[in-house]
Amino acid sequence: MVRVTNWLQRQRRHKKFIAQASGFRLGRKNLYKQVRLALVKQWQHAYVSRRLKKRDFRRLWIERLSAAVREKGWKYSAFVNAMYKKDIKLDRKVLSNIAVAFPVVFDKMYEDIIK
């Protein structure tokens, strides 16, 4: 009678997890149980950070847009309100990119919006 083990599959699974933990310190890089726990924690942080990244970029776009509008003597909230009243549907990302990369175009847009 031959004893059947799951050695090869287990080794491959462990190797896959340990490869993902390269760069970790101490036992978190080569002891499977610690590696698994460290990776679960890492995945949780990655999940949260993907959402925080979106929040941070939106904050950056609003700051850029606010600075561009404030140079003209208006407030950001009044500018956005005027845009909504004129039914201009450009998001903050596009507006901030225009304000930074093409200030002449932004000046023209600003004049059209506040009139």
N, C-alpha and C. Protein backbone atom coordinates (compact mmCIF):
# COMPACT_ATOMS: atom_id res chain seq x y z
N MET A 1 0.85 -1.18 0.00
CA MET A 1 0.00 0.00 0.00
C MET A 1 0.90 1.25 0.00
N VAL A 2 0.53 2.23 -0.81
CA VAL A 2 1.30 3.47 -0.95
C VAL A 2 0.55 4.59 -0.26
N ARG A 3 1.29 5.33 0.50
CA ARG A 3 0.69 6.48 1.19
C ARG A 3 0.66 7.65 0.21
N VAL A 4 -0.53 8.20 -0.01
CA VAL A 4 -0.70 9.31 -0.94
C VAL A 4 -0.66 10.61 -0.15
N THR A 5 0.18 11.51 -0.59
CA THR A 5 0.27 12.82 0.06
C THR A 5 -0.11 13.91 -0.94
N ASN A 6 -0.30 15.06 -0.42
CA ASN A 6 -0.66 16.21 -1.25
C ASN A 6 0.57 17.12 -1.39
N TRP A 7 1.73 16.52 -1.37
CA TRP A 7 2.96 17.30 -1.24
C TRP A 7 3.18 18.25 -2.40
N LEU A 8 3.02 17.77 -3.63
CA LEU A 8 3.34 18.61 -4.78
C LEU A 8 2.40 19.81 -4.88
N GLN A 9 1.12 19.57 -4.72
CA GLN A 9 0.16 20.68 -4.79
C GLN A 9 0.39 21.67 -3.66
N ARG A 10 0.66 21.14 -2.47
CA ARG A 10 0.90 22.02 -1.32
C ARG A 10 2.15 22.85 -1.56
N GLN A 11 3.19 22.23 -2.08
CA GLN A 11 4.44 22.95 -2.33
C GLN A 11 4.22 24.07 -3.35
N ARG A 12 3.46 23.78 -4.40
CA ARG A 12 3.19 24.80 -5.42
C ARG A 12 2.38 25.96 -4.84
N ARG A 13 1.38 25.63 -4.03
CA ARG A 13 0.55 26.67 -3.43
C ARG A 13 1.39 27.54 -2.49
N HIS A 14 2.18 26.91 -1.66
CA HIS A 14 3.04 27.65 -0.73
C HIS A 14 4.03 28.52 -1.50
N LYS A 15 4.60 27.96 -2.55
CA LYS A 15 5.60 28.68 -3.34
C LYS A 15 4.98 29.94 -3.96
N LYS A 16 3.73 29.81 -4.42
CA LYS A 16 3.03 30.94 -5.03
C LYS A 16 2.82 32.06 -4.00
N PHE A 17 2.41 31.70 -2.80
CA PHE A 17 2.20 32.70 -1.75
C PHE A 17 3.52 33.33 -1.33
N ILE A 18 4.55 32.49 -1.15
CA ILE A 18 5.85 33.00 -0.70
C ILE A 18 6.46 33.93 -1.75
N ALA A 19 6.23 33.64 -3.03
CA ALA A 19 6.72 34.52 -4.08
C ALA A 19 6.08 35.90 -4.00
N GLN A 20 4.82 35.95 -3.60
CA GLN A 20 4.13 37.23 -3.46
C GLN A 20 4.65 38.03 -2.29
N ALA A 21 5.26 37.36 -1.32
CA ALA A 21 5.73 38.03 -0.11
C ALA A 21 7.20 38.39 -0.20
N SER A 22 7.77 38.37 -1.38
CA SER A 22 9.18 38.74 -1.48
C SER A 22 9.32 40.22 -1.11
N GLY A 23 10.31 40.53 -0.35
CA GLY A 23 10.49 41.90 0.11
C GLY A 23 9.97 42.12 1.52
N PHE A 24 9.20 41.19 2.04
CA PHE A 24 8.76 41.30 3.42
C PHE A 24 9.94 40.97 4.34
N ARG A 25 9.82 41.29 5.61
CA ARG A 25 10.93 41.08 6.54
C ARG A 25 10.68 39.89 7.43
N LEU A 26 11.78 39.31 7.89
CA LEU A 26 11.80 38.22 8.86
C LEU A 26 10.95 37.04 8.38
N GLY A 27 10.17 36.43 9.29
CA GLY A 27 9.42 35.24 8.94
C GLY A 27 8.27 35.52 8.00
N ARG A 28 7.93 36.79 7.83
CA ARG A 28 6.82 37.13 6.96
C ARG A 28 7.16 36.93 5.49
N LYS A 29 8.41 36.60 5.20
CA LYS A 29 8.79 36.36 3.81
C LYS A 29 9.01 34.89 3.50
N ASN A 30 9.16 34.02 4.53
CA ASN A 30 9.48 32.63 4.20
C ASN A 30 8.77 31.58 5.07
N LEU A 31 8.01 31.98 6.07
CA LEU A 31 7.24 31.03 6.86
C LEU A 31 5.79 31.10 6.41
N TYR A 32 5.29 30.01 5.87
CA TYR A 32 4.03 30.04 5.14
C TYR A 32 2.88 30.64 5.94
N LYS A 33 2.74 30.25 7.19
CA LYS A 33 1.62 30.75 7.98
C LYS A 33 1.71 32.27 8.15
N GLN A 34 2.89 32.76 8.44
CA GLN A 34 3.07 34.21 8.59
C GLN A 34 2.91 34.92 7.25
N VAL A 35 3.40 34.27 6.19
CA VAL A 35 3.27 34.85 4.85
C VAL A 35 1.79 35.03 4.51
N ARG A 36 1.00 34.00 4.77
CA ARG A 36 -0.42 34.05 4.43
C ARG A 36 -1.12 35.18 5.19
N LEU A 37 -0.82 35.31 6.47
CA LEU A 37 -1.43 36.37 7.27
C LEU A 37 -0.98 37.76 6.78
N ALA A 38 0.30 37.86 6.44
CA ALA A 38 0.82 39.14 5.96
C ALA A 38 0.19 39.52 4.62
N LEU A 39 -0.01 38.54 3.75
CA LEU A 39 -0.61 38.83 2.46
C LEU A 39 -2.08 39.23 2.58
N VAL A 40 -2.80 38.60 3.49
CA VAL A 40 -4.20 38.99 3.70
C VAL A 40 -4.26 40.44 4.16
N LYS A 41 -3.39 40.81 5.07
CA LYS A 41 -3.34 42.19 5.54
C LYS A 41 -2.95 43.13 4.39
N GLN A 42 -2.01 42.71 3.58
CA GLN A 42 -1.58 43.52 2.45
C GLN A 42 -2.73 43.75 1.47
N TRP A 43 -3.49 42.69 1.20
CA TRP A 43 -4.63 42.81 0.28
C TRP A 43 -5.68 43.75 0.83
N GLN A 44 -5.88 43.75 2.16
CA GLN A 44 -6.84 44.66 2.76
C GLN A 44 -6.39 46.11 2.58
N HIS A 45 -5.10 46.36 2.82
CA HIS A 45 -4.57 47.71 2.63
C HIS A 45 -4.67 48.13 1.17
N ALA A 46 -4.38 47.22 0.25
CA ALA A 46 -4.45 47.55 -1.17
C ALA A 46 -5.88 47.90 -1.57
N TYR A 47 -6.84 47.17 -1.04
CA TYR A 47 -8.26 47.41 -1.36
C TYR A 47 -8.66 48.81 -0.90
N VAL A 48 -8.29 49.15 0.32
CA VAL A 48 -8.64 50.46 0.87
C VAL A 48 -7.91 51.56 0.11
N SER A 49 -6.64 51.33 -0.20
CA SER A 49 -5.83 52.36 -0.85
C SER A 49 -6.31 52.67 -2.26
N ARG A 50 -6.87 51.67 -2.94
CA ARG A 50 -7.40 51.95 -4.27
C ARG A 50 -8.54 52.95 -4.20
N ARG A 51 -9.31 52.91 -3.14
CA ARG A 51 -10.40 53.87 -2.98
C ARG A 51 -9.88 55.22 -2.48
N LEU A 52 -8.88 55.22 -1.60
CA LEU A 52 -8.30 56.47 -1.12
C LEU A 52 -7.62 57.23 -2.25
N LYS A 53 -7.06 56.49 -3.20
CA LYS A 53 -6.39 57.11 -4.34
C LYS A 53 -7.37 57.97 -5.12
N LYS A 54 -8.57 57.47 -5.32
CA LYS A 54 -9.59 58.23 -6.04
C LYS A 54 -9.97 59.49 -5.27
N ARG A 55 -10.07 59.36 -3.95
CA ARG A 55 -10.39 60.51 -3.11
C ARG A 55 -9.28 61.56 -3.19
N ASP A 56 -8.03 61.11 -3.14
CA ASP A 56 -6.90 62.03 -3.17
C ASP A 56 -6.81 62.77 -4.51
N PHE A 57 -7.06 62.05 -5.61
CA PHE A 57 -7.00 62.71 -6.90
C PHE A 57 -8.11 63.75 -7.04
N ARG A 58 -9.30 63.42 -6.58
CA ARG A 58 -10.40 64.39 -6.65
C ARG A 58 -10.06 65.63 -5.84
N ARG A 59 -9.45 65.45 -4.67
CA ARG A 59 -9.04 66.58 -3.85
C ARG A 59 -8.00 67.44 -4.58
N LEU A 60 -7.06 66.79 -5.28
CA LEU A 60 -6.05 67.51 -6.04
C LEU A 60 -6.68 68.33 -7.16
N TRP A 61 -7.63 67.73 -7.89
CA TRP A 61 -8.28 68.46 -8.98
C TRP A 61 -9.05 69.66 -8.46
N ILE A 62 -9.70 69.50 -7.32
CA ILE A 62 -10.46 70.62 -6.75
C ILE A 62 -9.51 71.73 -6.31
N GLU A 63 -8.37 71.37 -5.73
CA GLU A 63 -7.40 72.38 -5.31
C GLU A 63 -6.86 73.15 -6.50
N ARG A 64 -6.53 72.44 -7.56
CA ARG A 64 -6.01 73.10 -8.77
C ARG A 64 -7.05 74.03 -9.36
N LEU A 65 -8.27 73.54 -9.46
CA LEU A 65 -9.34 74.35 -10.03
C LEU A 65 -9.63 75.57 -9.15
N SER A 66 -9.62 75.36 -7.86
CA SER A 66 -9.85 76.45 -6.93
C SER A 66 -8.78 77.53 -7.06
N ALA A 67 -7.52 77.10 -7.21
CA ALA A 67 -6.43 78.08 -7.37
C ALA A 67 -6.59 78.86 -8.66
N ALA A 68 -6.97 78.19 -9.73
CA ALA A 68 -7.14 78.87 -11.01
C ALA A 68 -8.29 79.87 -10.97
N VAL A 69 -9.38 79.50 -10.30
CA VAL A 69 -10.54 80.39 -10.21
C VAL A 69 -10.26 81.54 -9.26
N ARG A 70 -9.52 81.25 -8.19
CA ARG A 70 -9.23 82.30 -7.22
C ARG A 70 -8.34 83.39 -7.82
N GLU A 71 -7.50 83.04 -8.80
CA GLU A 71 -6.69 84.06 -9.49
C GLU A 71 -7.58 85.08 -10.20
N LYS A 72 -8.75 84.62 -10.61
CA LYS A 72 -9.68 85.49 -11.32
C LYS A 72 -10.55 86.30 -10.35
N GLY A 73 -10.48 85.98 -9.05
CA GLY A 73 -11.24 86.73 -8.06
C GLY A 73 -12.56 86.09 -7.66
N TRP A 74 -12.79 84.87 -8.07
CA TRP A 74 -14.01 84.15 -7.71
C TRP A 74 -13.70 83.03 -6.76
N LYS A 75 -14.74 82.47 -6.14
CA LYS A 75 -14.56 81.31 -5.30
C LYS A 75 -14.90 80.06 -6.10
N TYR A 76 -14.32 78.96 -5.68
CA TYR A 76 -14.53 77.68 -6.37
C TYR A 76 -16.00 77.29 -6.37
N SER A 77 -16.66 77.41 -5.23
CA SER A 77 -18.05 76.97 -5.13
C SER A 77 -18.95 77.81 -6.04
N ALA A 78 -18.70 79.10 -6.12
CA ALA A 78 -19.50 79.96 -6.99
C ALA A 78 -19.27 79.61 -8.46
N PHE A 79 -18.04 79.27 -8.79
CA PHE A 79 -17.70 78.88 -10.16
C PHE A 79 -18.42 77.59 -10.55
N VAL A 80 -18.39 76.60 -9.67
CA VAL A 80 -19.05 75.32 -9.95
C VAL A 80 -20.56 75.53 -10.04
N ASN A 81 -21.10 76.37 -9.18
CA ASN A 81 -22.53 76.67 -9.22
C ASN A 81 -22.91 77.33 -10.55
N ALA A 82 -22.08 78.25 -11.02
CA ALA A 82 -22.34 78.91 -12.30
C ALA A 82 -22.27 77.90 -13.44
N MET A 83 -21.37 76.94 -13.33
CA MET A 83 -21.27 75.90 -14.37
C MET A 83 -22.54 75.07 -14.42
N TYR A 84 -23.05 74.69 -13.26
CA TYR A 84 -24.27 73.89 -13.22
C TYR A 84 -25.46 74.67 -13.77
N LYS A 85 -25.52 75.95 -13.48
CA LYS A 85 -26.62 76.77 -13.99
C LYS A 85 -26.54 76.90 -15.51
N LYS A 86 -25.33 76.97 -16.05
CA LYS A 86 -25.16 77.04 -17.51
C LYS A 86 -25.23 75.66 -18.16
N ASP A 87 -25.41 74.62 -17.35
CA ASP A 87 -25.52 73.23 -17.83
C ASP A 87 -24.25 72.78 -18.56
N ILE A 88 -23.10 73.13 -17.99
CA ILE A 88 -21.81 72.68 -18.53
C ILE A 88 -21.41 71.44 -17.74
N LYS A 89 -21.23 70.33 -18.46
CA LYS A 89 -21.00 69.06 -17.79
C LYS A 89 -19.57 68.59 -17.98
N LEU A 90 -18.62 69.38 -17.51
CA LEU A 90 -17.22 68.97 -17.49
C LEU A 90 -16.87 68.61 -16.05
N ASP A 91 -16.21 67.48 -15.87
CA ASP A 91 -15.86 67.09 -14.51
C ASP A 91 -14.62 67.83 -14.03
N ARG A 92 -14.32 67.67 -12.77
CA ARG A 92 -13.23 68.41 -12.15
C ARG A 92 -11.87 68.02 -12.72
N LYS A 93 -11.73 66.77 -13.11
CA LYS A 93 -10.46 66.31 -13.68
C LYS A 93 -10.16 67.06 -14.98
N VAL A 94 -11.12 67.10 -15.85
CA VAL A 94 -10.93 67.77 -17.14
C VAL A 94 -10.70 69.26 -16.94
N LEU A 95 -11.50 69.88 -16.09
CA LEU A 95 -11.36 71.32 -15.84
C LEU A 95 -9.99 71.67 -15.27
N SER A 96 -9.52 70.86 -14.30
CA SER A 96 -8.22 71.16 -13.70
C SER A 96 -7.09 70.95 -14.71
N ASN A 97 -7.22 69.94 -15.57
CA ASN A 97 -6.20 69.73 -16.60
C ASN A 97 -6.19 70.88 -17.60
N ILE A 98 -7.35 71.38 -17.96
CA ILE A 98 -7.41 72.54 -18.85
C ILE A 98 -6.79 73.76 -18.18
N ALA A 99 -7.12 73.96 -16.90
CA ALA A 99 -6.60 75.12 -16.18
C ALA A 99 -5.09 75.09 -16.07
N VAL A 100 -4.51 73.90 -15.91
CA VAL A 100 -3.06 73.79 -15.75
C VAL A 100 -2.34 73.81 -17.10
N ALA A 101 -2.84 73.02 -18.05
CA ALA A 101 -2.13 72.85 -19.31
C ALA A 101 -2.44 73.95 -20.33
N PHE A 102 -3.67 74.46 -20.32
CA PHE A 102 -4.09 75.44 -21.32
C PHE A 102 -4.75 76.63 -20.63
N PRO A 103 -3.96 77.50 -20.01
CA PRO A 103 -4.57 78.61 -19.25
C PRO A 103 -5.35 79.59 -20.14
N VAL A 104 -4.95 79.76 -21.40
CA VAL A 104 -5.67 80.67 -22.29
C VAL A 104 -7.07 80.13 -22.56
N VAL A 105 -7.17 78.84 -22.79
CA VAL A 105 -8.47 78.20 -23.03
C VAL A 105 -9.33 78.30 -21.76
N PHE A 106 -8.70 78.09 -20.61
CA PHE A 106 -9.45 78.19 -19.35
C PHE A 106 -9.97 79.60 -19.13
N ASP A 107 -9.16 80.62 -19.47
CA ASP A 107 -9.61 82.01 -19.34
C ASP A 107 -10.85 82.26 -20.19
N LYS A 108 -10.84 81.75 -21.41
CA LYS A 108 -11.99 81.92 -22.31
C LYS A 108 -13.22 81.21 -21.74
N MET A 109 -13.02 79.99 -21.24
CA MET A 109 -14.12 79.25 -20.63
C MET A 109 -14.66 80.01 -19.43
N TYR A 110 -13.77 80.52 -18.63
CA TYR A 110 -14.17 81.25 -17.41
C TYR A 110 -15.03 82.46 -17.78
N GLU A 111 -14.59 83.20 -18.78
CA GLU A 111 -15.36 84.38 -19.20
C GLU A 111 -16.74 83.99 -19.69
N ASP A 112 -16.84 82.88 -20.42
CA ASP A 112 -18.14 82.43 -20.93
C ASP A 112 -19.04 81.96 -19.79
N ILE A 113 -18.45 81.37 -18.78
CA ILE A 113 -19.26 80.81 -17.68
C ILE A 113 -19.81 81.92 -16.78
N ILE A 114 -19.00 82.92 -16.47
CA ILE A 114 -19.47 83.93 -15.51
C ILE A 114 -20.39 84.97 -16.14
N LYS A 115 -20.47 85.00 -17.48
CA LYS A 115 -21.37 85.98 -18.11
C LYS A 115 -22.80 85.51 -18.09
